[in-house]
Amino acid sequence: MRSLFVLALVFSWLPAIAMWPYLGVLAWMWISYMNPHRLTDGLAYDFPVAEVIAIATLLAWVFSRERKDLPMRPVVILIILYTLYTTLTSVTALNQPLAWEKWQLFVKVILFTLIAIPLMNSKVRLHAMIWVMVISCGYFAARGGLFTAITMGAYRVFGPPGTFHGDNNGIGVTFLMILPLIRYLQLQTDNRFAWLFLLAAQVLTLLAIFGTQSRGAVVGLTAMAFYMLARSRRIGTMITIGLVAVLAYQFMPASMKQRQESTFDYQSDASAQGRLTMWKFAIDVANERPIIGGGFNVFYDNPTRDRLLPRNDKGQVEQGRAAHSIYFEVLGEHGYVGLLLYLMTGIWGFFSAERTAQRAKRRPDTKWAADLGRAVQLGLIGFAVGGAFLSKATFDLYYHLLAVVVIADLLVTKALKEPAPEVVPPGDPILAYFFKPRAQSFRPGPATGGRDFRRKA
């Protein structure tokens, strides 16, 4: 029954996508993050729902009057260059079938990342995109947080099987990336019900992060907290973060404490030793082929593994194992040049978000973009630190966060070219539709003739 419901829901989107192609981007992201067909056990489980949405969206976009031009911002250029470079490394890959299989998945991610930039060209559409991210991933965060609270952390939280975030480490980093977005949405409303609802979502997401028992996720959360402390000038914020950290550790079950404490005892941890082995393997592959690397999925190429991996006492080499690090994953697959392009993309995206935030905070009508820039920065930090311990270099949520940066920058640039409006629009159009929007006003000044224009809620 669930299988038929999911298929009916997917196909019901098609007429709307034909009229409004940007809805296809939202539908594709929902399927990509939430994987609703993977939550069933019938026909929908293996049905190519993402391909159906993708074809419908592309056809609708081509024949629509929507913008077709792609703004050539530095982040966009770097994404395109990196994609072209991975195509080159796939042509020269050590294992062609394995390389092209992963390349196809990656190109789909990049295609819809680039399509989203011209299509999500308004504040309403951008916020709809953020809501899809939060609801799709927040569903698993809410379930995981409740599960962790009920079981007192006795079991690990996992994501949907067969997806980018299927294991506990992957879903942990996903939770890190959406946590700042939930806080951003909370900042966009003064409605008490909405504010409390989003606060509960943040608490459940924090519980779910600890419930994954992922050491990489906890390290990423710590990095995000330190960044917030470094940027915050409020003593109350610093004290709150410190108290939350202390309480979280005190109420953590013994099993979770032991796992987190083993982070620093890598010599006796078999999992950590396995990571170090694969990291050395990535370096060896890159040293042999420094420009082009071994191609996608080189970590599962048996001839290369037999040649470079150490053998046990019986002379056997371990079976295929992931790189367990986005950085060593890219290094082994695409060489030092590929790693440089990958790092430049993330770093430029981070500082582009900073630039957008600095420009947006000048006026009340663009203040939302400043809050969004800070939220995206925290999400990128969570991915950069947490991703150092898992293979997730092609994760679509990461590239979609970069698309959010570009779209917000374009909207702020357009807004700053026009005179400031006398009335500030609602913080979040989606929330404003359902809830009472917050009251905002400009300070009296030369632009308003000394008058205080306030929108009454």
Foldseek 3Di string as FASTA:
>chain_A
DQLVVVVVVLVVCLVVCLVQLLVLLLVLLLCQQQVSLLVDDDDSVPDPSNVVSVVSSVVSVVPDPFDDDFDPDPLLVLLVVLLVLLVVLLVVAPDNVQQVVVNVVLVVLNVSLRVNQRRCQDQQSLLSSLVSLCVSLLVLLLVLLVVCVVVLLPAARAGRPPHLGGALLSSLLSLQLSLLSLVLVLVQFPFPVSNVVSVVSNNSSVSNNLSNLQLLSVQLVVQLLVVCVVPDPDPVSVVVSVVVVVVCQVSRDPVSNVSNVCVVVLVPDPLSVVLVQLLVLLVVQLVVVQAAANGQPPLQVVVSQLVRGDADPVRDTDHRDFNQAQQSNQCRHGHPVSSVSLVVSLVVLLVLLVVLLVLQCPDPQSNSSVSLSSSLNSSSSSCNRSRRGGHNNSPSVNSNSSSSSSSSSVVSVVVVVDDDDQAHDRSHPVCVVVDPGDKDWDQQDPSNPRDIDIDDD
